[in-house]
């Protein structure tokens, strides 16, 4: 069943993220930052939330421990086909939150033109520092399709 609203995607995304984290045996907490304030997030990211003037937030912030250190995963969700503006927003969140990873999740596959352009300018998805890319991930049939993520490579 296709998603009608972006928020319709959220439960499936949370389930997929939880399954992924459990599979890798990471300790984690998923914060639904789209629906309001969370004391833990406000305490951890005081400067970052002030920068955003509490008017914009990523849809999810995941704090997890990979066995070596605490990591931050930002997840931004879009109902339709990802645009360059959406990528810019996700990159901004990655920069502001100094995120270890940023996933831009959509119910649609990335446009081929974005993939082709990325071949010519691999900075299209880059944020924060060299080697950090926003990962475009499709949500299909209620599951995040990590195997089809763009650019290909390690998701976390």
Foldseek 3Di string as FASTA:
>chain_A
DADDDQVVLVVLVVVQVVVVCVVLVKDKDKDQVVPDDDPVCCVVQVVLCVVVVVPDDARIWMWIDNPPDIFIEGEHEDADADDLVLLVVQQVNCQSVVGPAYEYEYQDDHDVVVVVVCVVPVCSQDHDDPPYGHKYWHQYPSHTPLCRIPPDDDRD
